[in-house]
C-alpha atoms as a PDB file:
ATOM      1  CA  HIS A   1      51.131  34.140 -35.162  1.00  0.00           C
ATOM      2  CA  ARG A   2      52.708  31.478 -37.377  1.00  0.00           C
ATOM      3  CA  LEU A   3      53.267  28.981 -34.563  1.00  0.00           C
ATOM      4  CA  PHE A   4      49.592  29.035 -33.585  1.00  0.00           C
ATOM      5  CA  LEU A   5      48.648  28.502 -37.223  1.00  0.00           C
ATOM      6  CA  SER A   6      51.075  25.589 -37.383  1.00  0.00           C
ATOM      7  CA  MET A   7      49.505  24.108 -34.249  1.00  0.00           C
ATOM      8  CA  ALA A   8      46.021  24.414 -35.743  1.00  0.00           C
ATOM      9  CA  LYS A   9      47.159  22.936 -39.067  1.00  0.00           C
ATOM     10  CA  THR A  10      48.763  19.936 -37.342  1.00  0.00           C
ATOM     11  CA  LEU A  11      45.727  19.317 -35.137  1.00  0.00           C
ATOM     12  CA  THR A  12      43.403  19.652 -38.127  1.00  0.00           C
ATOM     13  CA  ALA A  13      45.383  16.940 -39.926  1.00  0.00           C
ATOM     14  CA  LEU A  14      45.350  14.772 -36.790  1.00  0.00           C
ATOM     15  CA  SER A  15      41.664  15.161 -35.964  1.00  0.00           C
ATOM     16  CA  PRO A  16      40.192  12.678 -38.508  1.00  0.00           C
ATOM     17  CA  TYR A  17      42.500   9.951 -37.188  1.00  0.00           C
ATOM     18  CA  ALA A  18      41.541  10.728 -33.592  1.00  0.00           C
ATOM     19  CA  GLN A  19      37.865  10.790 -34.481  1.00  0.00           C
ATOM     20  CA  LYS A  20      38.092   7.463 -36.334  1.00  0.00           C
ATOM     21  CA  ALA A  21      39.895   5.906 -33.336  1.00  0.00           C
ATOM     22  CA  GLY A  22      37.293   7.326 -30.943  1.00  0.00           C
ATOM     23  CA  ILE A  23      39.797   9.327 -28.926  1.00  0.00           C
ATOM     24  CA  THR A  24      39.939  12.941 -27.836  1.00  0.00           C
ATOM     25  CA  CYS A  25      43.210  14.848 -28.023  1.00  0.00           C
ATOM     26  CA  VAL A  26      43.604  17.704 -25.562  1.00  0.00           C
ATOM     27  CA  LEU A  27      45.621  20.890 -25.826  1.00  0.00           C
ATOM     28  CA  GLU A  28      47.035  22.110 -22.498  1.00  0.00           C
ATOM     29  CA  PRO A  29      48.308  25.634 -21.894  1.00  0.00           C
ATOM     30  CA  LEU A  30      51.053  25.796 -19.233  1.00  0.00           C
ATOM     31  CA  ASN A  31      52.134  28.622 -16.956  1.00  0.00           C
ATOM     32  CA  ILE A  32      55.232  30.596 -17.893  1.00  0.00           C
ATOM     33  CA  GLN A  33      55.546  32.363 -14.531  1.00  0.00           C
ATOM     34  CA  VAL A  34      56.830  29.414 -12.453  1.00  0.00           C
ATOM     35  CA  ASP A  35      57.209  26.112 -14.265  1.00  0.00           C
ATOM     36  CA  HIS A  36      57.538  26.598 -18.026  1.00  0.00           C
ATOM     37  CA  PRO A  37      59.197  29.906 -18.968  1.00  0.00           C
ATOM     38  CA  GLY A  38      59.109  30.441 -22.699  1.00  0.00           C
ATOM     39  CA  CYS A  39      56.249  28.013 -23.341  1.00  0.00           C
ATOM     40  CA  LEU A  40      54.304  29.243 -26.367  1.00  0.00           C
ATOM     41  CA  LEU A  41      50.863  28.172 -25.199  1.00  0.00           C
ATOM     42  CA  HIS A  42      50.171  29.702 -21.790  1.00  0.00           C
ATOM     43  CA  SER A  43      46.678  31.121 -22.147  1.00  0.00           C
ATOM     44  CA  LEU A  44      43.400  29.220 -22.062  1.00  0.00           C
ATOM     45  CA  ALA A  45      41.948  31.832 -24.434  1.00  0.00           C
ATOM     46  CA  GLU A  46      44.705  31.239 -27.006  1.00  0.00           C
ATOM     47  CA  ALA A  47      44.375  27.463 -26.690  1.00  0.00           C
ATOM     48  CA  ALA A  48      40.615  27.832 -27.175  1.00  0.00           C
ATOM     49  CA  LEU A  49      41.192  29.802 -30.394  1.00  0.00           C
ATOM     50  CA  VAL A  50      43.352  26.960 -31.713  1.00  0.00           C
ATOM     51  CA  VAL A  51      40.761  24.340 -30.745  1.00  0.00           C
ATOM     52  CA  GLU A  52      37.923  26.387 -32.230  1.00  0.00           C
ATOM     53  CA  SER A  53      39.849  26.894 -35.468  1.00  0.00           C
ATOM     54  CA  VAL A  54      40.275  23.119 -35.810  1.00  0.00           C
ATOM     55  CA  GLY A  55      36.536  22.650 -35.278  1.00  0.00           C
ATOM     56  CA  SER A  56      36.683  18.947 -34.410  1.00  0.00           C
ATOM     57  CA  PRO A  57      34.987  17.189 -31.494  1.00  0.00           C
ATOM     58  CA  SER A  58      38.199  15.142 -31.191  1.00  0.00           C
ATOM     59  CA  ILE A  59      40.335  18.191 -30.345  1.00  0.00           C
ATOM     60  CA  ARG A  60      39.550  19.814 -27.005  1.00  0.00           C
ATOM     61  CA  LEU A  61      41.081  21.692 -24.073  1.00  0.00           C
ATOM     62  CA  LEU A  62      42.785  20.377 -20.988  1.00  0.00           C
ATOM     63  CA  TYR A  63      42.070  22.912 -18.243  1.00  0.00           C
ATOM     64  CA  ASP A  64      44.891  22.681 -15.710  1.00  0.00           C
ATOM     65  CA  LEU A  65      43.662  24.606 -12.683  1.00  0.00           C
ATOM     66  CA  TYR A  66      47.163  24.891 -11.217  1.00  0.00           C
ATOM     67  CA  HIS A  67      48.679  26.409 -14.358  1.00  0.00           C
ATOM     68  CA  MET A  68      45.752  28.729 -15.054  1.00  0.00           C
ATOM     69  CA  GLN A  69      45.563  29.971 -11.451  1.00  0.00           C
ATOM     70  CA  ILE A  70      49.157  31.110 -11.858  1.00  0.00           C
ATOM     71  CA  GLU A  71      48.584  32.636 -15.304  1.00  0.00           C
ATOM     72  CA  THR A  72      45.196  34.323 -15.004  1.00  0.00           C
ATOM     73  CA  GLY A  73      43.250  33.280 -11.903  1.00  0.00           C
ATOM     74  CA  ASN A  74      39.475  33.545 -12.309  1.00  0.00           C
ATOM     75  CA  LEU A  75      39.190  29.751 -12.461  1.00  0.00           C
ATOM     76  CA  ILE A  76      35.395  29.623 -12.273  1.00  0.00           C
ATOM     77  CA  ALA A  77      34.759  32.420 -14.784  1.00  0.00           C
ATOM     78  CA  ASN A  78      37.237  30.858 -17.212  1.00  0.00           C
ATOM     79  CA  PHE A  79      35.643  27.442 -16.783  1.00  0.00           C
ATOM     80  CA  ASP A  80      32.248  28.948 -17.611  1.00  0.00           C
ATOM     81  CA  ARG A  81      33.656  30.739 -20.652  1.00  0.00           C
ATOM     82  CA  PHE A  82      35.384  27.682 -22.119  1.00  0.00           C
ATOM     83  CA  GLN A  83      33.323  24.774 -20.747  1.00  0.00           C
ATOM     84  CA  PRO A  84      32.076  23.581 -24.163  1.00  0.00           C
ATOM     85  CA  LEU A  85      35.699  23.020 -25.210  1.00  0.00           C
ATOM     86  CA  ILE A  86      36.999  21.427 -21.981  1.00  0.00           C
ATOM     87  CA  ALA A  87      37.417  17.647 -22.086  1.00  0.00           C
ATOM     88  CA  HIS A  88      39.726  17.114 -19.123  1.00  0.00           C
ATOM     89  CA  ILE A  89      40.839  18.944 -15.964  1.00  0.00           C
ATOM     90  CA  HIS A  90      44.048  18.712 -13.927  1.00  0.00           C
ATOM     91  CA  ALA A  91      44.058  19.792 -10.293  1.00  0.00           C
ATOM     92  CA  ALA A  92      46.800  20.797  -7.845  1.00  0.00           C
ATOM     93  CA  ASP A  93      47.106  23.663  -5.402  1.00  0.00           C
ATOM     94  CA  VAL A  94      49.155  26.847  -5.754  1.00  0.00           C
ATOM     95  CA  PRO A  95      51.925  27.350  -4.715  1.00  0.00           C
ATOM     96  CA  GLY A  96      53.958  24.177  -4.843  1.00  0.00           C
ATOM     97  CA  ARG A  97      51.645  22.008  -6.929  1.00  0.00           C
ATOM     98  CA  HIS A  98      50.575  20.104  -3.821  1.00  0.00           C
ATOM     99  CA  GLU A  99      47.260  18.530  -2.795  1.00  0.00           C
ATOM    100  CA  MET A 100      44.076  20.475  -2.199  1.00  0.00           C
ATOM    101  CA  GLY A 101      44.034  22.532   0.993  1.00  0.00           C
ATOM    102  CA  THR A 102      47.729  23.410   0.963  1.00  0.00           C
ATOM    103  CA  GLY A 103      47.470  26.631  -1.003  1.00  0.00           C
ATOM    104  CA  GLU A 104      45.305  29.421  -2.322  1.00  0.00           C
ATOM    105  CA  ILE A 105      42.718  27.632  -4.469  1.00  0.00           C
ATOM    106  CA  ASN A 106      39.367  27.019  -2.798  1.00  0.00           C
ATOM    107  CA  TYR A 107      38.803  23.618  -4.358  1.00  0.00           C
ATOM    108  CA  THR A 108      35.557  23.021  -2.453  1.00  0.00           C
ATOM    109  CA  THR A 109      34.064  26.021  -4.261  1.00  0.00           C
ATOM    110  CA  VAL A 110      35.662  25.164  -7.613  1.00  0.00           C
ATOM    111  CA  PHE A 111      34.504  21.523  -7.608  1.00  0.00           C
ATOM    112  CA  SER A 112      31.038  22.503  -6.382  1.00  0.00           C
ATOM    113  CA  HIS A 113      30.799  24.884  -9.335  1.00  0.00           C
ATOM    114  CA  LEU A 114      31.967  22.227 -11.803  1.00  0.00           C
ATOM    115  CA  ARG A 115      29.211  19.907 -10.547  1.00  0.00           C
ATOM    116  CA  SER A 116      26.602  22.674 -10.691  1.00  0.00           C
ATOM    117  CA  ARG A 117      27.504  23.304 -14.329  1.00  0.00           C
ATOM    118  CA  GLY A 118      27.150  19.614 -15.199  1.00  0.00           C
ATOM    119  CA  TYR A 119      30.834  18.917 -15.845  1.00  0.00           C
ATOM    120  CA  GLY A 120      30.987  15.139 -16.249  1.00  0.00           C
ATOM    121  CA  ASN A 121      34.431  14.542 -17.703  1.00  0.00           C
ATOM    122  CA  TRP A 122      37.582  13.468 -15.902  1.00  0.00           C
ATOM    123  CA  VAL A 123      39.525  15.383 -13.263  1.00  0.00           C
ATOM    124  CA  ALA A 124      43.093  14.181 -12.703  1.00  0.00           C
ATOM    125  CA  PHE A 125      45.089  15.114  -9.627  1.00  0.00           C
ATOM    126  CA  GLU A 126      48.487  15.982 -11.037  1.00  0.00           C
ATOM    127  CA  LEU A 127      50.424  16.967  -7.941  1.00  0.00           C
ATOM    128  CA  SER A 128      53.395  16.391  -5.674  1.00  0.00           C
ATOM    129  CA  PRO A 129      52.370  15.432  -2.131  1.00  0.00           C
ATOM    130  CA  SER A 130      53.362  18.070   0.412  1.00  0.00           C
ATOM    131  CA  GLU A 131      54.214  15.471   3.047  1.00  0.00           C
ATOM    132  CA  SER A 132      53.168  11.960   2.113  1.00  0.00           C
ATOM    133  CA  TYR A 133      51.281  10.045  -0.515  1.00  0.00           C
ATOM    134  CA  GLU A 134      48.728   8.957   2.102  1.00  0.00           C
ATOM    135  CA  LYS A 135      48.049  12.544   3.209  1.00  0.00           C
ATOM    136  CA  ALA A 136      47.622  13.655  -0.411  1.00  0.00           C
ATOM    137  CA  VAL A 137      45.195  10.812  -1.172  1.00  0.00           C
ATOM    138  CA  LYS A 138      43.204  11.660   1.976  1.00  0.00           C
ATOM    139  CA  ALA A 139      42.979  15.324   0.916  1.00  0.00           C
ATOM    140  CA  ILE A 140      41.709  14.262  -2.504  1.00  0.00           C
ATOM    141  CA  MET A 141      39.200  11.785  -1.078  1.00  0.00           C
ATOM    142  CA  ASP A 142      37.925  14.385   1.421  1.00  0.00           C
ATOM    143  CA  MET A 143      36.989  16.747  -1.427  1.00  0.00           C
ATOM    144  CA  LYS A 144      33.264  17.145  -1.775  1.00  0.00           C
END
């Protein structure tokens, strides 16, 4: 697909600058079922092919658990498959993109698995509180 080749070509040109600056650029696939209809990059597997084709440690994946639960599910199996390429994770529950414990994702199991696999990079909670900011922060802080 020409657009994927264009993405890889652009990221390949960008990667030496990112590497020299000591930064990591992340490529994030988004769901097309609920939030981003028509988005080209909606599969972790396709994003991984782009990242692998660039072949730079400065170009990695952002694994958004909310988006990928909607697109494919199998969050743990997909993490295991793509872990070497994952530099950052976003977390929110499905449906509604609210805090942990409001939807279908068993975040206790997911986070326990991430720890067991030695994931040491950042996890960002990119969500809309279901009721209040304080309740959302408490749900995040209660995660083990």
